[in-house]
Protein backbone atom coordinates (compact mmCIF):
# COMPACT_ATOMS: atom_id res chain seq x y z
CA UNK A 1 80.13 130.95 98.70
CA UNK A 2 83.56 129.97 100.20
CA UNK A 3 83.86 126.56 100.64
CA UNK A 4 84.22 125.62 104.57
CA UNK A 5 87.50 124.49 106.05
CA UNK A 6 88.53 120.78 106.48
CA UNK A 7 88.49 118.61 109.33
CA UNK A 8 92.14 117.93 110.22
CA UNK A 9 92.51 116.73 113.67
CA UNK A 10 95.96 115.54 114.41
CA UNK A 11 96.84 111.85 114.64
CA UNK A 12 93.72 110.57 112.57
CA UNK A 13 93.82 108.81 109.18
CA UNK A 14 92.17 110.31 106.00
CA UNK A 15 89.89 108.11 103.63
CA UNK A 16 90.88 110.30 100.28
CA UNK A 17 88.28 109.60 97.31
CA UNK A 18 89.59 111.54 93.81
CA UNK A 19 87.79 111.33 90.53
CA UNK A 20 88.78 111.79 87.28
CA UNK A 21 87.62 115.26 85.61
CA UNK A 22 83.95 114.67 84.53
CA UNK A 23 84.39 110.91 85.60
CA UNK A 24 85.93 110.31 82.55
CA UNK A 25 88.00 106.61 82.48
CA UNK A 26 91.28 108.41 82.05
CA UNK A 27 93.25 105.78 84.55
CA UNK A 28 92.16 102.45 83.05
CA UNK A 29 95.58 101.69 81.43
CA UNK A 30 98.03 100.28 83.17
CA UNK A 31 100.99 102.35 82.07
CA UNK A 32 98.93 105.55 83.88
CA UNK A 33 98.35 103.59 86.67
CA UNK A 34 102.08 102.72 87.09
CA UNK A 35 102.65 106.40 86.99
CA UNK A 36 100.58 107.09 89.45
CA UNK A 37 102.21 104.56 91.73
CA UNK A 38 105.37 106.35 90.91
CA UNK A 39 103.71 109.94 91.85
CA UNK A 40 102.50 108.43 95.35
CA UNK A 41 106.38 106.86 96.20
CA UNK A 42 107.81 110.04 95.48
CA UNK A 43 104.92 112.26 97.48
CA UNK A 44 106.59 111.12 100.83
CA UNK A 45 109.64 112.68 100.03
CA UNK A 46 107.53 116.14 99.61
CA UNK A 47 105.19 115.72 102.19
CA UNK A 48 105.63 112.81 105.07
CA UNK A 49 102.76 110.54 105.70
CA UNK A 50 101.85 107.12 106.06
CA UNK A 51 100.19 105.56 103.28
CA UNK A 52 98.20 102.03 104.23
CA UNK A 53 95.68 101.50 101.62
CA UNK A 54 95.61 102.52 97.88
CA UNK A 55 93.12 101.47 95.16
CA UNK A 56 93.34 102.63 91.32
CA UNK A 57 89.78 102.35 89.66
CA UNK A 58 89.10 103.22 85.98
CA UNK A 59 88.18 106.47 86.57
CA UNK A 60 88.86 107.24 90.36
CA UNK A 61 90.96 106.43 93.30
CA UNK A 62 90.85 105.50 97.25
CA UNK A 63 93.95 106.16 99.68
CA UNK A 64 93.86 105.77 103.82
CA UNK A 65 96.73 108.43 105.02
CA UNK A 66 98.01 109.62 107.86
CA UNK A 67 100.24 112.57 107.11
CA UNK A 68 102.60 113.14 109.98
CA UNK A 69 101.40 117.01 110.45
CA UNK A 70 97.35 116.40 109.50
CA UNK A 71 97.52 120.04 108.73
CA UNK A 72 100.17 119.15 106.08
CA UNK A 73 97.07 117.05 104.02
CA UNK A 74 95.85 119.98 101.67
CA UNK A 75 99.56 120.16 100.50
CA UNK A 76 100.24 116.68 99.92
CA UNK A 77 97.06 116.06 98.08
CA UNK A 78 97.53 119.58 96.06
CA UNK A 79 100.79 118.48 95.04
CA UNK A 80 99.99 114.72 94.07
CA UNK A 81 97.04 116.29 91.84
CA UNK A 82 99.04 118.50 90.14
CA UNK A 83 102.08 116.47 89.42
CA UNK A 84 99.92 113.38 88.32
CA UNK A 85 98.05 115.64 86.15
CA UNK A 86 100.71 117.25 84.66
CA UNK A 87 102.70 113.64 83.97
CA UNK A 88 99.74 112.06 82.81
CA UNK A 89 98.58 114.62 80.62
CA UNK A 90 101.94 114.63 78.94
CA UNK A 91 101.48 110.88 78.86
CA UNK A 92 98.26 110.74 77.07
CA UNK A 93 98.63 114.04 74.73
CA UNK A 94 95.55 115.91 76.41
CA UNK A 95 95.45 119.52 78.04
CA UNK A 96 92.89 120.52 80.53
CA UNK A 97 91.94 119.97 84.16
CA UNK A 98 92.64 116.12 84.74
CA UNK A 99 91.31 115.50 88.15
CA UNK A 100 87.89 116.97 89.69
CA UNK A 101 88.40 120.09 91.47
CA UNK A 102 88.42 118.97 94.83
CA UNK A 103 89.16 115.82 96.67
CA UNK A 104 87.08 114.06 99.20
CA UNK A 105 88.33 113.57 102.53
CA UNK A 106 86.93 111.54 105.60
CA UNK A 107 89.04 111.94 109.01
CA UNK A 108 88.92 108.50 110.98
CA UNK A 109 90.51 108.41 114.94
CA UNK A 110 93.33 105.65 115.16
CA UNK A 111 91.31 104.40 118.47
CA UNK A 112 88.01 103.71 116.09
CA UNK A 113 89.38 100.23 114.78
CA UNK A 114 86.07 99.06 113.69
CA UNK A 115 85.83 101.79 111.03
CA UNK A 116 89.32 101.59 110.16
CA UNK A 117 89.03 98.06 109.37
CA UNK A 118 86.13 98.58 107.85
CA UNK A 119 87.43 101.53 105.50
CA UNK A 120 90.35 99.20 104.26
CA UNK A 121 87.60 96.58 103.69
CA UNK A 122 85.54 99.05 101.74
CA UNK A 123 88.83 100.21 99.54
CA UNK A 124 89.73 96.81 98.75
CA UNK A 125 86.75 95.83 97.89
CA UNK A 126 86.40 98.38 94.89
CA UNK A 127 87.38 96.20 92.09
CA UNK A 128 85.00 93.06 93.22
CA UNK A 129 82.35 95.10 93.74
CA UNK A 130 82.64 96.98 90.45
CA UNK A 131 82.68 93.34 88.61
CA UNK A 132 86.21 93.62 87.45
CA UNK A 133 87.67 90.92 89.96
CA UNK A 134 85.70 87.73 91.35
CA UNK A 135 88.37 87.65 94.53
CA UNK A 136 89.75 91.02 96.16
CA UNK A 137 93.12 90.32 95.02
CA UNK A 138 94.30 93.47 91.96
CA UNK A 139 97.54 94.73 91.39
CA UNK A 140 96.48 98.07 91.41
CA UNK A 141 95.53 97.97 95.09
CA UNK A 142 97.47 97.13 98.12
CA UNK A 143 95.00 94.42 99.31
CA UNK A 144 98.22 91.89 99.16
CA UNK A 145 99.80 93.70 101.46
CA UNK A 146 97.08 92.55 103.95
CA UNK A 147 96.20 89.47 102.94
CA UNK A 148 99.09 87.70 101.32
CA UNK A 149 101.87 89.87 103.33
CA UNK A 150 103.08 91.25 99.69
CA UNK A 151 105.29 93.91 100.43
CA UNK A 152 104.71 96.61 97.66
CA UNK A 153 107.42 99.09 98.82
CA UNK A 154 105.13 102.15 98.97
CA UNK A 155 102.30 101.04 101.77
CA UNK A 156 102.22 99.64 105.48
CA UNK A 157 99.90 98.23 107.29
CA UNK A 158 97.85 100.04 109.62
CA UNK A 159 98.04 99.58 113.33
CA UNK A 160 94.34 98.43 113.87
CA UNK A 161 95.44 95.57 111.23
CA UNK A 162 98.44 94.58 113.29
CA UNK A 163 96.02 94.29 116.39
CA UNK A 164 93.77 91.52 114.74
CA UNK A 165 96.19 88.87 116.08
CA UNK A 166 99.25 88.25 118.31
CA UNK A 167 101.54 87.03 115.06
CA UNK A 168 101.60 88.76 111.39
CA UNK A 169 100.46 85.96 109.85
CA UNK A 170 97.25 85.58 112.13
CA UNK A 171 96.56 88.97 111.01
CA UNK A 172 96.77 88.20 107.73
CA UNK A 173 94.14 85.52 107.91
CA UNK A 174 91.85 87.24 110.06
CA UNK A 175 91.71 89.98 107.70
CA UNK A 176 91.31 87.85 104.26
CA UNK A 177 88.33 86.01 106.26
CA UNK A 178 86.86 89.81 107.33
CA UNK A 179 87.32 90.24 103.50
CA UNK A 180 85.30 87.34 102.01
CA UNK A 181 82.40 87.76 104.71
CA UNK A 182 81.96 91.22 102.64
CA UNK A 183 78.87 92.20 101.51
CA UNK A 184 78.75 95.60 99.62
CA UNK A 185 75.59 97.90 99.54
CA UNK A 186 73.69 97.48 96.24
CA UNK A 187 73.37 100.89 94.35
CA UNK A 188 70.47 102.50 94.77
CA UNK A 189 68.34 103.93 91.52
CA UNK A 190 68.92 107.49 90.14
CA UNK A 191 68.17 110.38 92.40
CA UNK A 192 66.14 113.22 90.94
CA UNK A 193 67.71 116.56 91.35
CA UNK A 194 66.02 119.61 90.21
CA UNK A 195 67.73 119.67 86.77
CA UNK A 196 66.54 116.34 85.72
CA UNK A 197 62.83 117.62 86.60
CA UNK A 198 63.24 120.67 84.35
CA UNK A 199 64.55 118.55 81.49
CA UNK A 200 61.65 116.23 81.83
CA UNK A 201 59.20 119.22 81.60
CA UNK A 202 60.59 120.24 78.78
CA UNK A 203 60.53 116.86 76.98
CA UNK A 204 56.99 116.23 77.86
CA UNK A 205 56.12 119.48 76.48
CA UNK A 206 57.39 118.74 73.29
CA UNK A 207 55.87 115.33 73.20
CA UNK A 208 58.90 113.31 73.65
CA UNK A 209 58.82 111.00 77.26
CA UNK A 210 61.93 109.20 77.22
CA UNK A 211 63.34 107.46 80.27
CA UNK A 212 66.69 108.76 82.09
CA UNK A 213 68.73 106.75 83.81
CA UNK A 214 71.90 108.24 85.46
CA UNK A 215 75.39 106.77 84.35
CA UNK A 216 76.68 104.79 87.33
CA UNK A 217 80.81 104.04 86.84
CA UNK A 218 82.04 101.22 87.79
CA UNK A 219 83.58 101.13 91.76
CA UNK A 220 81.95 104.70 92.53
CA UNK A 221 79.60 102.71 95.44
CA UNK A 222 79.32 105.08 98.35
CA UNK A 223 80.52 104.62 101.65
CA UNK A 224 77.63 104.62 104.26
CA UNK A 225 79.59 103.44 107.31
CA UNK A 226 76.48 102.52 109.26
CA UNK A 227 75.36 100.04 106.92
CA UNK A 228 78.34 98.71 106.21
CA UNK A 229 79.26 97.71 110.08
CA UNK A 230 75.78 96.58 110.33
CA UNK A 231 75.90 93.79 107.48
CA UNK A 232 79.55 92.80 108.61
CA UNK A 233 80.30 93.12 112.00
CA UNK A 234 84.01 92.28 113.15
CA UNK A 235 84.05 89.45 115.78
CA UNK A 236 83.77 90.87 119.32
CA UNK A 237 86.85 88.78 120.45
CA UNK A 238 88.99 91.09 117.56
CA UNK A 239 88.34 93.93 119.99
């Protein structure tokens, strides 16, 4: 069965999630993450785009990007996946697939400021939600670019962020406050699919009943936008 074409509206930003193959923890080391940041910087020369958010976790990464030409998003991600896999495989002495075959991309309208801000905060909240950090700041996310106005050299502020206040410092303070009031949705229990049910029947026929729990990797929380917006309302005066 062929894949459905991606929804690539012009002028939209795209929330990208890219996972390591088999969800292995292949980018947990600082040196490998440094390589990824270098590849992200180099990618701008290959496919013109704006990078608004980045967060590197142990087995996946999040990006918020806006290609100058939305139709070039597949080309951008193909080049990034190929080049980073080649570099990281050589660095780690491994071979084979480094990333999962297909990345996730969610289009966000430039006028949907609420969704943009919630997505930015979700991306920056990953280290805290995974229990890696007590706060939002992490050396491998660009939260500092927003919450501390620290230039990282590869990302820029999203226009929705710049509308939070009349001054840059005001925008930063409001975004930091917005993040401090974040509550992430706790992960639910494991979902049972047909493979699990079949395995359970096989085990029961042998008289060896074992409880099975789906392995959950740090930081792999879902992005339920409706839930997130309901719990984390943006003050009306920000609109």
